[in-house]
């Protein structure tokens, strides 16, 4: 099983938890649909369903402009956690696809060649409201979940913007600090450049402190109840858009 790095590398740990130094393991795979359901075609009444781009090459070259020589990133076929390389599509032009990148600074876009990826629609979307401390999930335009969450503290706030799910990991301890599942997303902390050996990547995960849901308690991650994160782990595919405001 892949090493589940100190969770700030995937998800920012709770401020009050001190047992995060150890790195629990997680199961993951290179198949983009492992541990997830295949997204289906959205209803035609829904305008422009989001799309995900699944890399089909060992090294995915990303340029600043479509067809340009200005390479801004080269991404492996899998993430550092072993998940398939799946990106969120934001635009297309001729034989080029614009994607949102899982890199600093947050919100960086680039272009990849259409022949280097497989495009699939994504039925689901996630919206996080930091002030209300709620997370809402839509499927094909219909709300399927509204949950109370814990968010980052004033010192280490949850970053805002448009992101997407990069990793989906099953933890070895369902009753541990991160609950049974954790999603890595393409966001990075605005205040922490590294934490416990990781790069400050933000995520969404379960919790063993459900009493802190509805509060600002983390280093930037979004915490859900274990029941809710389990439900999402069964449904949300890699590449699902995540909007945080």
C-alpha atoms as a PDB file:
ATOM      1  CA  UNK A   1       0.000   0.000   0.000  1.00  0.00           C
ATOM      2  CA  UNK A   2       1.104   3.546  -0.684  1.00  0.00           C
ATOM      3  CA  UNK A   3       2.553   5.565   2.152  1.00  0.00           C
ATOM      4  CA  UNK A   4      -0.039   7.993   3.525  1.00  0.00           C
ATOM      5  CA  UNK A   5       2.372  10.874   4.133  1.00  0.00           C
ATOM      6  CA  UNK A   6       1.829  13.166   7.094  1.00  0.00           C
ATOM      7  CA  UNK A   7      -1.564  14.333   6.095  1.00  0.00           C
ATOM      8  CA  UNK A   8      -0.713  17.925   5.330  1.00  0.00           C
ATOM      9  CA  UNK A   9       0.910  16.479   2.210  1.00  0.00           C
ATOM     10  CA  UNK A  10      -2.602  15.444   1.293  1.00  0.00           C
ATOM     11  CA  UNK A  11      -4.804  17.055   3.889  1.00  0.00           C
ATOM     12  CA  UNK A  12      -3.996  19.653   6.496  1.00  0.00           C
ATOM     13  CA  UNK A  13      -4.126  18.196   9.991  1.00  0.00           C
ATOM     14  CA  UNK A  14      -6.317  19.414  12.809  1.00  0.00           C
ATOM     15  CA  UNK A  15      -4.730  22.071  15.006  1.00  0.00           C
ATOM     16  CA  UNK A  16      -5.464  20.161  18.190  1.00  0.00           C
ATOM     17  CA  UNK A  17      -4.213  16.774  16.984  1.00  0.00           C
ATOM     18  CA  UNK A  18      -0.621  15.965  17.934  1.00  0.00           C
ATOM     19  CA  UNK A  19      -0.520  12.342  16.726  1.00  0.00           C
ATOM     20  CA  UNK A  20      -0.152  13.320  13.081  1.00  0.00           C
ATOM     21  CA  UNK A  21       3.596  12.894  12.903  1.00  0.00           C
ATOM     22  CA  UNK A  22       3.240   9.217  12.040  1.00  0.00           C
ATOM     23  CA  UNK A  23       2.364   8.459   8.455  1.00  0.00           C
ATOM     24  CA  UNK A  24      -0.502   5.982   8.159  1.00  0.00           C
ATOM     25  CA  UNK A  25      -0.840   3.974   4.967  1.00  0.00           C
ATOM     26  CA  UNK A  26      -3.581   4.261   2.392  1.00  0.00           C
ATOM     27  CA  UNK A  27      -4.845   2.176  -0.465  1.00  0.00           C
ATOM     28  CA  UNK A  28      -4.871   3.843  -3.841  1.00  0.00           C
ATOM     29  CA  UNK A  29      -4.353   2.891  -7.465  1.00  0.00           C
ATOM     30  CA  UNK A  30      -3.442   4.066 -10.919  1.00  0.00           C
ATOM     31  CA  UNK A  31      -6.880   3.281 -12.308  1.00  0.00           C
ATOM     32  CA  UNK A  32      -8.815   6.569 -12.190  1.00  0.00           C
ATOM     33  CA  UNK A  33     -11.978   4.681 -11.266  1.00  0.00           C
ATOM     34  CA  UNK A  34     -10.517   2.555  -8.478  1.00  0.00           C
ATOM     35  CA  UNK A  35     -12.431   3.191  -5.224  1.00  0.00           C
ATOM     36  CA  UNK A  36     -14.908   5.389  -7.097  1.00  0.00           C
ATOM     37  CA  UNK A  37     -17.938   5.214  -9.327  1.00  0.00           C
ATOM     38  CA  UNK A  38     -17.723   5.933 -13.040  1.00  0.00           C
ATOM     39  CA  UNK A  39     -19.232   9.344 -13.837  1.00  0.00           C
ATOM     40  CA  UNK A  40     -22.273   9.085 -16.057  1.00  0.00           C
ATOM     41  CA  UNK A  41     -23.467  11.477 -18.748  1.00  0.00           C
ATOM     42  CA  UNK A  42     -25.328  14.384 -17.196  1.00  0.00           C
ATOM     43  CA  UNK A  43     -28.890  15.228 -18.123  1.00  0.00           C
ATOM     44  CA  UNK A  44     -29.073  17.309 -21.281  1.00  0.00           C
ATOM     45  CA  UNK A  45     -30.938  20.016 -19.386  1.00  0.00           C
ATOM     46  CA  UNK A  46     -27.808  20.761 -17.364  1.00  0.00           C
ATOM     47  CA  UNK A  47     -25.600  23.327 -19.059  1.00  0.00           C
ATOM     48  CA  UNK A  48     -21.991  22.371 -19.833  1.00  0.00           C
ATOM     49  CA  UNK A  49     -21.189  19.552 -17.425  1.00  0.00           C
ATOM     50  CA  UNK A  50     -17.650  19.738 -16.026  1.00  0.00           C
ATOM     51  CA  UNK A  51     -15.083  17.493 -17.672  1.00  0.00           C
ATOM     52  CA  UNK A  52     -12.040  15.727 -16.336  1.00  0.00           C
ATOM     53  CA  UNK A  53      -8.894  14.951 -18.324  1.00  0.00           C
ATOM     54  CA  UNK A  54      -7.188  11.626 -17.559  1.00  0.00           C
ATOM     55  CA  UNK A  55      -3.563  11.442 -18.640  1.00  0.00           C
ATOM     56  CA  UNK A  56      -2.750   8.612 -21.066  1.00  0.00           C
ATOM     57  CA  UNK A  57       0.988   9.323 -21.294  1.00  0.00           C
ATOM     58  CA  UNK A  58       3.850   8.716 -18.900  1.00  0.00           C
ATOM     59  CA  UNK A  59       4.846  12.393 -18.880  1.00  0.00           C
ATOM     60  CA  UNK A  60       2.177  15.015 -19.526  1.00  0.00           C
ATOM     61  CA  UNK A  61       3.602  18.256 -20.888  1.00  0.00           C
ATOM     62  CA  UNK A  62       1.743  21.397 -19.864  1.00  0.00           C
ATOM     63  CA  UNK A  63       2.294  24.676 -21.725  1.00  0.00           C
ATOM     64  CA  UNK A  64       1.232  28.209 -20.916  1.00  0.00           C
ATOM     65  CA  UNK A  65      -0.435  28.627 -24.326  1.00  0.00           C
ATOM     66  CA  UNK A  66      -2.087  26.120 -26.675  1.00  0.00           C
ATOM     67  CA  UNK A  67       0.587  24.675 -28.947  1.00  0.00           C
ATOM     68  CA  UNK A  68       3.285  26.850 -27.413  1.00  0.00           C
ATOM     69  CA  UNK A  69       6.854  25.910 -26.520  1.00  0.00           C
ATOM     70  CA  UNK A  70       6.515  27.560 -23.097  1.00  0.00           C
ATOM     71  CA  UNK A  71       6.376  24.464 -20.886  1.00  0.00           C
ATOM     72  CA  UNK A  72       5.226  25.300 -17.374  1.00  0.00           C
ATOM     73  CA  UNK A  73       4.918  21.789 -15.920  1.00  0.00           C
ATOM     74  CA  UNK A  74       5.587  18.141 -16.653  1.00  0.00           C
ATOM     75  CA  UNK A  75       3.264  15.827 -14.750  1.00  0.00           C
ATOM     76  CA  UNK A  76       3.743  12.109 -14.227  1.00  0.00           C
ATOM     77  CA  UNK A  77       0.989   9.665 -15.076  1.00  0.00           C
ATOM     78  CA  UNK A  78       0.264   9.231 -11.367  1.00  0.00           C
ATOM     79  CA  UNK A  79       0.327  11.547  -8.355  1.00  0.00           C
ATOM     80  CA  UNK A  80       2.764  11.167  -5.473  1.00  0.00           C
ATOM     81  CA  UNK A  81       0.085   9.041  -3.782  1.00  0.00           C
ATOM     82  CA  UNK A  82      -0.234   6.695  -6.745  1.00  0.00           C
ATOM     83  CA  UNK A  83      -3.575   8.019  -7.979  1.00  0.00           C
ATOM     84  CA  UNK A  84      -4.163   8.360 -11.702  1.00  0.00           C
ATOM     85  CA  UNK A  85      -3.285  11.796 -13.036  1.00  0.00           C
ATOM     86  CA  UNK A  86      -6.668  13.438 -13.462  1.00  0.00           C
ATOM     87  CA  UNK A  87      -7.103  17.172 -14.069  1.00  0.00           C
ATOM     88  CA  UNK A  88     -10.108  19.477 -14.316  1.00  0.00           C
ATOM     89  CA  UNK A  89     -10.846  20.838 -17.785  1.00  0.00           C
ATOM     90  CA  UNK A  90     -11.523  24.583 -17.966  1.00  0.00           C
ATOM     91  CA  UNK A  91     -11.462  25.224 -21.735  1.00  0.00           C
ATOM     92  CA  UNK A  92     -10.688  23.694 -25.125  1.00  0.00           C
ATOM     93  CA  UNK A  93      -9.230  25.164 -28.296  1.00  0.00           C
ATOM     94  CA  UNK A  94      -8.734  23.124 -31.466  1.00  0.00           C
ATOM     95  CA  UNK A  95      -6.639  20.111 -30.447  1.00  0.00           C
ATOM     96  CA  UNK A  96      -5.689  21.595 -27.069  1.00  0.00           C
ATOM     97  CA  UNK A  97      -7.279  21.323 -23.642  1.00  0.00           C
ATOM     98  CA  UNK A  98      -6.895  23.878 -20.862  1.00  0.00           C
ATOM     99  CA  UNK A  99      -6.678  22.347 -17.411  1.00  0.00           C
ATOM    100  CA  UNK A 100      -6.471  23.528 -13.828  1.00  0.00           C
ATOM    101  CA  UNK A 101      -3.177  22.413 -12.301  1.00  0.00           C
ATOM    102  CA  UNK A 102      -2.498  20.917  -8.845  1.00  0.00           C
ATOM    103  CA  UNK A 103       0.434  23.277  -8.283  1.00  0.00           C
ATOM    104  CA  UNK A 104       1.363  26.520  -6.599  1.00  0.00           C
ATOM    105  CA  UNK A 105       0.227  29.201  -6.980  1.00  0.00           C
ATOM    106  CA  UNK A 106      -3.396  28.182  -6.553  1.00  0.00           C
ATOM    107  CA  UNK A 107      -5.464  28.698  -9.677  1.00  0.00           C
ATOM    108  CA  UNK A 108      -2.664  28.035 -12.175  1.00  0.00           C
ATOM    109  CA  UNK A 109      -3.900  26.891 -15.605  1.00  0.00           C
ATOM    110  CA  UNK A 110      -2.096  25.288 -18.515  1.00  0.00           C
ATOM    111  CA  UNK A 111      -2.695  23.546 -21.841  1.00  0.00           C
ATOM    112  CA  UNK A 112      -2.229  19.884 -22.780  1.00  0.00           C
ATOM    113  CA  UNK A 113      -2.636  18.175 -26.130  1.00  0.00           C
ATOM    114  CA  UNK A 114      -5.934  16.451 -26.695  1.00  0.00           C
ATOM    115  CA  UNK A 115      -4.178  13.239 -27.765  1.00  0.00           C
ATOM    116  CA  UNK A 116      -2.448  12.985 -24.375  1.00  0.00           C
ATOM    117  CA  UNK A 117      -5.649  12.758 -22.305  1.00  0.00           C
ATOM    118  CA  UNK A 118      -9.031  11.082 -22.215  1.00  0.00           C
ATOM    119  CA  UNK A 119     -11.932  13.434 -21.538  1.00  0.00           C
ATOM    120  CA  UNK A 120     -14.916  12.374 -19.440  1.00  0.00           C
ATOM    121  CA  UNK A 121     -17.876  14.323 -18.042  1.00  0.00           C
ATOM    122  CA  UNK A 122     -18.203  14.679 -14.267  1.00  0.00           C
ATOM    123  CA  UNK A 123     -21.688  14.665 -12.780  1.00  0.00           C
ATOM    124  CA  UNK A 124     -20.611  15.904  -9.380  1.00  0.00           C
ATOM    125  CA  UNK A 125     -19.471  19.210  -7.913  1.00  0.00           C
ATOM    126  CA  UNK A 126     -18.557  20.300  -4.388  1.00  0.00           C
ATOM    127  CA  UNK A 127     -19.106  23.782  -2.913  1.00  0.00           C
ATOM    128  CA  UNK A 128     -17.595  24.841   0.411  1.00  0.00           C
ATOM    129  CA  UNK A 129     -18.848  27.934   2.222  1.00  0.00           C
ATOM    130  CA  UNK A 130     -16.293  28.883   4.864  1.00  0.00           C
ATOM    131  CA  UNK A 131     -18.426  31.463   6.646  1.00  0.00           C
ATOM    132  CA  UNK A 132     -21.437  29.164   6.906  1.00  0.00           C
ATOM    133  CA  UNK A 133     -19.133  26.178   7.474  1.00  0.00           C
ATOM    134  CA  UNK A 134     -21.080  24.017   5.110  1.00  0.00           C
ATOM    135  CA  UNK A 135     -20.192  21.681   2.258  1.00  0.00           C
ATOM    136  CA  UNK A 136     -22.761  21.050  -0.465  1.00  0.00           C
ATOM    137  CA  UNK A 137     -22.523  18.341  -3.117  1.00  0.00           C
ATOM    138  CA  UNK A 138     -24.511  18.418  -6.364  1.00  0.00           C
ATOM    139  CA  UNK A 139     -25.085  15.573  -8.771  1.00  0.00           C
ATOM    140  CA  UNK A 140     -26.236  16.573 -12.263  1.00  0.00           C
ATOM    141  CA  UNK A 141     -27.386  19.900 -10.819  1.00  0.00           C
ATOM    142  CA  UNK A 142     -29.357  18.428  -7.887  1.00  0.00           C
ATOM    143  CA  UNK A 143     -28.222  18.776  -4.279  1.00  0.00           C
ATOM    144  CA  UNK A 144     -27.499  15.380  -2.730  1.00  0.00           C
ATOM    145  CA  UNK A 145     -25.649  16.360   0.450  1.00  0.00           C
ATOM    146  CA  UNK A 146     -25.366  19.362   2.746  1.00  0.00           C
ATOM    147  CA  UNK A 147     -22.938  18.911   5.626  1.00  0.00           C
ATOM    148  CA  UNK A 148     -21.535  20.884   8.535  1.00  0.00           C
ATOM    149  CA  UNK A 149     -17.753  21.069   8.362  1.00  0.00           C
ATOM    150  CA  UNK A 150     -14.689  22.210  10.274  1.00  0.00           C
ATOM    151  CA  UNK A 151     -12.416  24.645   8.442  1.00  0.00           C
ATOM    152  CA  UNK A 152      -9.048  26.336   8.857  1.00  0.00           C
ATOM    153  CA  UNK A 153      -8.286  28.707  11.680  1.00  0.00           C
ATOM    154  CA  UNK A 154      -7.732  32.442  11.297  1.00  0.00           C
ATOM    155  CA  UNK A 155      -3.991  31.803  11.505  1.00  0.00           C
ATOM    156  CA  UNK A 156      -4.072  29.083   8.834  1.00  0.00           C
ATOM    157  CA  UNK A 157      -7.260  29.627   6.834  1.00  0.00           C
ATOM    158  CA  UNK A 158      -8.670  27.327   4.203  1.00  0.00           C
ATOM    159  CA  UNK A 159      -7.734  28.842   0.820  1.00  0.00           C
ATOM    160  CA  UNK A 160     -10.512  30.033  -1.456  1.00  0.00           C
ATOM    161  CA  UNK A 161     -10.894  29.479  -5.182  1.00  0.00           C
ATOM    162  CA  UNK A 162     -11.713  26.809  -7.730  1.00  0.00           C
ATOM    163  CA  UNK A 163     -10.008  23.437  -7.261  1.00  0.00           C
ATOM    164  CA  UNK A 164     -10.564  19.737  -7.941  1.00  0.00           C
ATOM    165  CA  UNK A 165     -10.045  16.322  -6.353  1.00  0.00           C
ATOM    166  CA  UNK A 166      -6.582  14.933  -7.087  1.00  0.00           C
ATOM    167  CA  UNK A 167      -6.471  11.893  -4.786  1.00  0.00           C
ATOM    168  CA  UNK A 168      -8.828   9.600  -2.938  1.00  0.00           C
ATOM    169  CA  UNK A 169      -7.292   7.534  -0.145  1.00  0.00           C
ATOM    170  CA  UNK A 170      -8.622   4.948   2.259  1.00  0.00           C
ATOM    171  CA  UNK A 171      -6.942   5.257   5.634  1.00  0.00           C
ATOM    172  CA  UNK A 172      -5.931   2.233   7.733  1.00  0.00           C
ATOM    173  CA  UNK A 173      -7.711   3.611  10.811  1.00  0.00           C
ATOM    174  CA  UNK A 174     -11.334   4.512  10.244  1.00  0.00           C
ATOM    175  CA  UNK A 175     -11.484   5.861  13.797  1.00  0.00           C
ATOM    176  CA  UNK A 176      -8.279   7.869  13.462  1.00  0.00           C
ATOM    177  CA  UNK A 177      -7.700  11.583  13.063  1.00  0.00           C
ATOM    178  CA  UNK A 178      -8.597  11.537   9.372  1.00  0.00           C
ATOM    179  CA  UNK A 179     -11.517   9.175   9.500  1.00  0.00           C
ATOM    180  CA  UNK A 180     -11.913   6.343   7.007  1.00  0.00           C
ATOM    181  CA  UNK A 181     -11.226   8.357   3.829  1.00  0.00           C
ATOM    182  CA  UNK A 182      -9.402  11.472   2.683  1.00  0.00           C
ATOM    183  CA  UNK A 183      -9.501  13.446  -0.548  1.00  0.00           C
ATOM    184  CA  UNK A 184      -6.527  15.459  -1.703  1.00  0.00           C
ATOM    185  CA  UNK A 185      -7.487  18.547  -3.687  1.00  0.00           C
ATOM    186  CA  UNK A 186      -5.479  20.854  -5.932  1.00  0.00           C
ATOM    187  CA  UNK A 187      -5.331  23.638  -3.327  1.00  0.00           C
ATOM    188  CA  UNK A 188      -2.316  24.561  -1.235  1.00  0.00           C
ATOM    189  CA  UNK A 189      -2.142  26.465   2.015  1.00  0.00           C
ATOM    190  CA  UNK A 190      -1.539  30.202   1.700  1.00  0.00           C
ATOM    191  CA  UNK A 191       0.298  30.274   5.035  1.00  0.00           C
ATOM    192  CA  UNK A 192       2.151  26.950   5.224  1.00  0.00           C
ATOM    193  CA  UNK A 193       4.710  26.107   2.559  1.00  0.00           C
ATOM    194  CA  UNK A 194       5.423  22.792   4.254  1.00  0.00           C
ATOM    195  CA  UNK A 195       4.060  20.886   7.214  1.00  0.00           C
ATOM    196  CA  UNK A 196       5.154  17.602   8.809  1.00  0.00           C
ATOM    197  CA  UNK A 197       7.188  16.674   5.753  1.00  0.00           C
ATOM    198  CA  UNK A 198       4.523  17.578   3.201  1.00  0.00           C
ATOM    199  CA  UNK A 199       4.017  20.516   0.862  1.00  0.00           C
ATOM    200  CA  UNK A 200       0.974  22.057   2.505  1.00  0.00           C
ATOM    201  CA  UNK A 201      -1.570  20.448   0.171  1.00  0.00           C
ATOM    202  CA  UNK A 202      -5.164  20.887   1.317  1.00  0.00           C
ATOM    203  CA  UNK A 203      -7.748  18.140   1.502  1.00  0.00           C
ATOM    204  CA  UNK A 204     -11.137  16.968   2.695  1.00  0.00           C
ATOM    205  CA  UNK A 205     -11.279  14.142   5.230  1.00  0.00           C
ATOM    206  CA  UNK A 206     -13.132  12.575   8.126  1.00  0.00           C
ATOM    207  CA  UNK A 207     -12.436  13.203  11.784  1.00  0.00           C
ATOM    208  CA  UNK A 208     -12.252  11.601  15.207  1.00  0.00           C
ATOM    209  CA  UNK A 209     -13.416  14.888  16.779  1.00  0.00           C
ATOM    210  CA  UNK A 210     -16.967  15.336  15.496  1.00  0.00           C
ATOM    211  CA  UNK A 211     -17.624  17.869  18.252  1.00  0.00           C
ATOM    212  CA  UNK A 212     -15.407  20.337  16.368  1.00  0.00           C
ATOM    213  CA  UNK A 213     -17.507  20.268  13.221  1.00  0.00           C
ATOM    214  CA  UNK A 214     -18.931  23.737  12.673  1.00  0.00           C
ATOM    215  CA  UNK A 215     -15.800  25.396  14.034  1.00  0.00           C
ATOM    216  CA  UNK A 216     -12.479  26.731  12.725  1.00  0.00           C
ATOM    217  CA  UNK A 217     -10.148  23.999  13.955  1.00  0.00           C
ATOM    218  CA  UNK A 218      -7.726  22.860  11.235  1.00  0.00           C
ATOM    219  CA  UNK A 219      -4.562  24.056   9.524  1.00  0.00           C
ATOM    220  CA  UNK A 220      -6.643  24.579   6.371  1.00  0.00           C
ATOM    221  CA  UNK A 221      -8.318  21.280   5.598  1.00  0.00           C
ATOM    222  CA  UNK A 222     -12.049  20.638   5.473  1.00  0.00           C
ATOM    223  CA  UNK A 223     -13.331  18.044   7.929  1.00  0.00           C
ATOM    224  CA  UNK A 224     -16.547  16.069   7.582  1.00  0.00           C
ATOM    225  CA  UNK A 225     -18.222  13.448   9.718  1.00  0.00           C
ATOM    226  CA  UNK A 226     -17.010   9.931   9.002  1.00  0.00           C
ATOM    227  CA  UNK A 227     -20.414   8.943   7.681  1.00  0.00           C
ATOM    228  CA  UNK A 228     -20.405  11.804   5.191  1.00  0.00           C
ATOM    229  CA  UNK A 229     -16.832  11.286   3.968  1.00  0.00           C
ATOM    230  CA  UNK A 230     -17.644   7.602   3.438  1.00  0.00           C
ATOM    231  CA  UNK A 231     -20.660   8.538   1.335  1.00  0.00           C
ATOM    232  CA  UNK A 232     -18.558  10.894  -0.781  1.00  0.00           C
ATOM    233  CA  UNK A 233     -15.746   8.375  -1.175  1.00  0.00           C
ATOM    234  CA  UNK A 234     -18.258   5.989  -2.727  1.00  0.00           C
ATOM    235  CA  UNK A 235     -19.447   8.565  -5.259  1.00  0.00           C
ATOM    236  CA  UNK A 236     -17.032  11.358  -6.097  1.00  0.00           C
ATOM    237  CA  UNK A 237     -14.528  10.635  -8.884  1.00  0.00           C
ATOM    238  CA  UNK A 238     -11.087  12.133  -9.260  1.00  0.00           C
ATOM    239  CA  UNK A 239     -11.345  15.441 -11.086  1.00  0.00           C
ATOM    240  CA  UNK A 240     -14.544  16.498  -9.299  1.00  0.00           C
ATOM    241  CA  UNK A 241     -14.589  20.327  -9.129  1.00  0.00           C
ATOM    242  CA  UNK A 242     -14.362  21.849  -5.638  1.00  0.00           C
ATOM    243  CA  UNK A 243     -15.274  25.510  -5.150  1.00  0.00           C
ATOM    244  CA  UNK A 244     -14.278  27.152  -1.855  1.00  0.00           C
ATOM    245  CA  UNK A 245     -15.561  30.609  -0.927  1.00  0.00           C
END
